[in-house]
Protein backbone atom coordinates (compact mmCIF):
# COMPACT_ATOMS: atom_id res chain seq x y z
CA MET A 1 162.09 -0.30 68.04
CA ILE A 2 159.80 -0.06 71.44
CA LEU A 3 156.73 0.79 72.46
CA PHE A 4 156.24 2.46 75.36
CA LEU A 5 153.41 3.75 77.18
CA ALA A 6 153.35 7.06 78.74
CA GLY A 7 150.88 8.79 79.95
CA THR A 8 152.98 10.68 82.86
CA SER A 9 155.51 12.43 84.23
CA ASP A 10 157.68 10.03 85.10
CA ALA A 11 157.07 8.02 82.56
CA ARG A 12 158.13 11.07 79.57
CA GLU A 13 160.83 11.65 81.47
CA LEU A 14 162.01 7.15 81.35
CA ALA A 15 160.98 7.85 77.70
CA ILE A 16 163.91 10.94 77.56
CA LYS A 17 166.57 9.10 79.51
CA LEU A 18 165.24 5.28 77.06
CA LYS A 19 166.00 8.08 74.17
CA GLU A 20 169.33 9.27 74.98
CA GLU A 21 170.34 5.81 75.53
CA GLY A 22 170.02 5.11 71.68
CA TYR A 23 166.86 3.21 71.82
CA GLN A 24 163.98 4.20 69.32
CA LEU A 25 160.88 4.18 71.00
CA LEU A 26 157.19 5.12 70.06
CA THR A 27 155.23 6.45 72.84
CA THR A 28 151.58 5.81 73.30
CA VAL A 29 149.37 8.37 75.27
CA VAL A 30 145.27 8.59 75.19
CA THR A 31 145.28 12.58 74.72
CA ASP A 32 146.36 15.31 73.15
CA ASN A 33 148.38 17.48 75.75
CA ALA A 34 150.02 14.45 76.72
CA ALA A 35 151.41 14.06 73.04
CA ILE A 36 152.06 17.61 73.18
CA GLU A 37 154.27 16.98 75.88
CA LEU A 38 156.36 13.69 74.14
CA LYS A 39 156.65 15.80 71.01
CA LYS A 40 158.66 18.92 72.56
CA ALA A 41 161.08 16.33 73.67
CA GLY A 42 161.62 14.92 70.13
CA LEU A 43 159.57 11.73 70.44
CA ASP A 44 157.28 9.81 68.25
CA VAL A 45 153.32 10.14 69.88
CA TYR A 46 150.95 7.67 68.96
CA VAL A 47 147.44 9.11 70.25
CA GLY A 48 144.95 6.80 71.46
CA ARG A 49 143.49 3.73 73.87
CA LEU A 50 145.08 0.77 72.44
CA THR A 51 143.21 -3.02 72.97
CA SER A 52 145.12 -6.34 73.17
CA GLU A 53 144.59 -6.36 69.65
CA ASP A 54 145.82 -2.82 68.34
CA PHE A 55 148.94 -4.04 70.47
CA LEU A 56 149.66 -7.21 68.81
CA GLN A 57 148.79 -5.34 65.66
CA PHE A 58 151.13 -2.82 66.23
CA ILE A 59 153.99 -5.44 67.04
CA ASN A 60 153.61 -6.97 63.70
CA GLU A 61 152.97 -3.90 61.45
CA ARG A 62 156.23 -2.26 63.25
CA GLY A 63 158.66 -5.23 64.57
CA PHE A 64 159.09 -4.01 68.05
CA GLU A 65 161.25 -6.14 69.96
CA ALA A 66 159.66 -5.33 73.19
CA ILE A 67 156.66 -3.32 75.52
CA VAL A 68 157.94 -0.82 77.91
CA ASP A 69 154.44 -0.38 80.23
CA ALA A 70 155.31 3.19 81.88
CA SER A 71 151.40 3.75 82.27
CA HIS A 72 149.22 5.26 85.35
CA PRO A 73 149.37 3.06 88.43
CA PHE A 74 145.40 3.53 87.91
CA ALA A 75 145.55 2.06 83.67
CA GLU A 76 144.97 -1.32 84.21
CA GLU A 77 143.39 -2.19 81.31
CA ALA A 78 146.35 -0.97 80.01
CA SER A 79 148.76 -2.42 81.64
CA LYS A 80 146.91 -5.72 81.04
CA ASN A 81 146.67 -5.55 77.26
CA ALA A 82 150.21 -4.27 77.33
CA GLN A 83 151.48 -7.15 79.23
CA SER A 84 149.19 -10.12 76.84
CA SER A 85 150.00 -9.03 73.67
CA ALA A 86 153.29 -9.72 74.64
CA LYS A 87 153.00 -12.58 75.93
CA GLU A 88 151.51 -13.57 72.99
CA ALA A 89 154.22 -11.70 70.76
CA ASN A 90 157.02 -13.54 72.92
CA ILE A 91 158.48 -9.95 73.28
CA PRO A 92 159.58 -8.71 76.35
CA TYR A 93 157.73 -6.69 78.87
CA ILE A 94 158.95 -4.34 81.06
CA ARG A 95 156.73 -2.27 83.99
CA TYR A 96 157.79 0.76 85.34
CA GLU A 97 155.60 1.73 87.95
CA ARG A 98 156.48 4.48 90.47
CA GLU A 99 156.66 3.69 94.17
CA SER A 100 153.97 2.67 96.33
CA GLN A 101 153.68 4.74 99.53
CA SER A 102 152.38 3.82 103.19
CA PHE A 103 149.38 5.42 104.18
CA GLU A 104 148.10 2.74 106.85
CA GLN A 105 147.22 6.70 109.17
CA GLU A 106 144.74 7.76 111.34
CA GLY A 107 142.07 9.77 109.70
CA ILE A 108 142.66 7.63 105.88
CA THR A 109 140.31 4.66 105.39
CA LEU A 110 141.79 2.22 102.51
CA VAL A 111 139.97 0.57 100.01
CA ASP A 112 139.88 -1.56 97.24
CA THR A 113 137.31 0.21 94.95
CA TYR A 114 135.74 3.10 93.31
CA GLY A 115 132.41 1.81 94.25
CA GLU A 116 133.31 1.25 97.90
CA ALA A 117 134.84 4.54 98.15
CA ALA A 118 131.76 5.70 97.45
CA GLU A 119 129.77 3.76 100.12
CA LEU A 120 131.56 4.65 102.21
CA ALA A 121 131.23 8.52 101.10
CA PHE A 122 127.73 8.17 101.19
CA GLU A 123 127.19 7.25 105.01
CA LYS A 124 129.76 9.80 106.08
CA LYS A 125 127.74 13.34 104.22
CA GLY A 126 129.20 16.26 104.40
CA VAL A 127 131.71 17.93 101.29
CA VAL A 128 133.10 15.36 99.70
CA MET A 129 136.15 16.56 96.95
CA LEU A 130 136.91 13.91 94.14
CA THR A 131 140.21 13.89 93.62
CA THR A 132 140.31 10.56 91.15
CA GLY A 133 139.58 11.94 88.20
CA SER A 134 137.44 11.69 85.18
CA LYS A 135 136.80 8.28 83.82
CA THR A 136 134.91 6.91 87.10
CA LEU A 137 133.55 9.34 88.08
CA GLN A 138 129.95 8.24 87.18
CA THR A 139 130.98 5.76 90.73
CA PHE A 140 129.99 8.77 92.63
CA THR A 141 127.99 10.76 91.19
CA SER A 142 125.23 7.35 91.10
CA LYS A 143 125.73 7.08 94.24
CA LEU A 144 126.37 10.57 95.39
CA LEU A 145 125.09 13.49 93.83
CA ASN A 146 121.61 14.88 94.57
CA GLN A 147 121.64 13.36 97.53
CA PRO A 148 120.69 15.10 100.91
CA ASP A 149 123.48 16.48 103.34
CA ILE A 150 125.70 15.73 100.87
CA ARG A 151 127.42 17.57 98.16
CA VAL A 152 130.08 17.02 95.63
CA ILE A 153 132.85 18.64 94.45
CA ALA A 154 134.84 17.55 91.30
CA ARG A 155 138.57 17.96 90.88
CA MET A 156 140.05 17.26 87.31
CA LEU A 157 142.44 18.20 84.37
CA PRO A 158 141.25 20.79 82.78
CA ARG A 159 139.98 19.14 78.78
CA LYS A 160 136.96 19.66 76.71
CA ASP A 161 136.19 16.07 77.24
CA ASN A 162 136.17 16.24 81.00
CA MET A 163 133.68 18.76 81.55
CA GLU A 164 131.65 17.06 78.81
CA LYS A 165 131.28 14.20 81.09
CA CYS A 166 130.40 16.25 84.00
CA GLU A 167 127.37 17.71 81.89
CA GLN A 168 126.76 14.36 80.40
CA LEU A 169 126.49 13.21 84.04
CA GLY A 170 124.11 16.60 85.32
CA PHE A 171 127.58 17.43 87.56
CA PRO A 172 126.94 21.04 88.46
CA GLN A 173 129.45 23.67 86.92
CA LYS A 174 129.22 25.64 90.44
CA ASP A 175 130.64 22.03 91.76
CA ILE A 176 134.04 21.50 88.99
CA VAL A 177 137.18 22.36 90.34
CA ALA A 178 139.67 22.13 86.69
CA ILE A 179 142.70 22.30 86.87
CA GLN A 180 146.10 20.62 86.30
CA GLY A 181 148.52 20.07 89.29
CA PRO A 182 150.64 19.24 90.92
CA PHE A 183 149.96 21.16 93.66
CA THR A 184 151.84 22.18 97.66
CA ARG A 185 150.07 21.23 100.73
CA GLU A 186 148.93 25.05 100.92
CA PHE A 187 147.50 24.83 98.13
CA ASP A 188 144.90 21.80 98.91
CA GLN A 189 144.32 23.30 101.89
CA ALA A 190 143.48 26.05 100.42
CA LEU A 191 141.04 24.59 97.98
CA TYR A 192 139.67 22.41 101.02
CA LYS A 193 138.79 25.70 103.15
CA GLN A 194 137.21 27.46 100.42
CA TYR A 195 134.91 24.18 99.89
CA GLY A 196 134.56 22.84 103.12
CA VAL A 197 135.61 20.06 102.08
CA THR A 198 134.77 17.13 104.94
CA VAL A 199 136.10 14.04 103.07
CA MET A 200 138.90 14.14 100.33
CA ILE A 201 139.32 10.56 98.35
CA THR A 202 142.20 10.01 96.07
CA LYS A 203 143.71 7.51 94.36
CA GLU A 204 147.43 5.92 96.26
CA SER A 205 149.00 7.13 92.88
CA GLY A 206 153.00 7.05 93.96
CA LYS A 207 154.25 10.55 95.24
CA VAL A 208 155.11 11.82 91.80
CA GLY A 209 150.77 12.14 91.56
CA SER A 210 151.57 14.79 94.61
CA VAL A 211 149.57 12.22 96.84
CA ASP A 212 151.04 13.44 99.81
CA GLU A 213 150.62 16.54 99.87
CA LYS A 214 146.80 15.72 99.19
CA VAL A 215 147.09 13.98 102.09
CA GLU A 216 148.54 15.50 104.13
CA ALA A 217 146.98 18.76 103.92
CA ALA A 218 143.14 17.11 104.54
CA ARG A 219 145.38 15.08 108.01
CA GLU A 220 145.72 19.11 109.18
CA LEU A 221 142.86 20.62 108.57
CA GLY A 222 140.84 17.48 110.07
CA ILE A 223 139.38 15.98 106.65
CA GLU A 224 138.34 12.38 106.39
CA THR A 225 140.51 10.87 103.64
CA ILE A 226 139.59 7.51 101.93
CA MET A 227 142.21 5.87 99.90
CA ILE A 228 141.57 3.62 96.82
CA LYS A 229 144.82 0.58 97.17
CA ARG A 230 146.52 0.60 93.44
CA PRO A 231 145.04 -2.41 90.92
CA LYS A 232 146.69 -5.36 92.48
CA ILE A 233 148.17 -6.56 89.02
CA LYS A 234 151.44 -9.45 88.93
CA TYR A 235 154.02 -7.11 86.60
CA GLU A 236 156.51 -9.21 85.17
CA ASN A 237 160.42 -7.77 84.89
CA ALA A 238 158.43 -4.96 87.37
CA TYR A 239 161.07 -2.17 88.72
CA SER A 240 160.57 1.26 90.60
CA SER A 241 163.27 3.29 89.32
CA PHE A 242 164.89 4.04 85.80
CA LEU A 243 168.35 2.61 86.39
CA GLY A 244 166.11 -0.83 86.71
CA VAL A 245 164.32 -0.33 83.75
CA ILE A 246 167.29 0.72 81.90
CA ASN A 247 169.46 -1.68 82.98
CA HIS A 248 166.73 -4.27 81.87
CA ILE A 249 167.00 -3.20 78.12
CA ASN A 250 170.61 -3.15 77.97
CA ASP A 251 171.18 -5.77 78.92
CA LEU A 252 167.73 -7.71 76.25
CA PHE A 253 169.59 -5.33 73.60
CA LYS A 254 173.01 -6.47 74.37
CA THR A 255 172.08 -10.17 74.62
CA ALA A 256 170.01 -10.23 71.19
CA ASN A 257 173.26 -8.28 69.22
CA LYS A 258 175.15 -11.67 70.65
């Protein structure tokens, strides 16, 4: 049985393919909405964040033979916890991560951290659109909210916990765009124009995350982009294709069954 870290659309597709290959999976996600989509595909789901201790308990109680980590490229803590617990339990860890894209071009500034992105936006002023989710929202609100010459627009998933977080941080309701993508370049441009955006902040999440559409839409309108680079994690057995993961899993279980 395989413990499978999911939560993104491409992770769901990979989980389905592994199930079709005949493998039994338990998928894990952190939101009920993500769980609904996996359950629709006939997959078993656990909802909740897992610490290293939780992973180990899961492995010991349910006898998982491998972990496939297909979590979001920025789910750094989940990946580290999964990788360390797999090592401690002496079971294989396989990482699927969507391919990176190169964004070293005019109008785009690459930074390593959310704090750097907030600092740079503070220097630039203007109308700043955040497309980085709610997890690190406080990093930006503490630096940018209620500052003269700065208006912050937060685009995020329309979840109850996101809206509650915005309320706790004192985020103006009129500056919240609660909507779920992916979006076309034309949609992004209409949104930028609606709010008069001058700076857009995003993460290098990969093509599946529609980053290129956001960036291209901003570039065509002359909007500056601040992009947060992916966390630097040294993964074992890392693949950027479904086939790579499936072949690795097949080899593992063929060897185990000899």
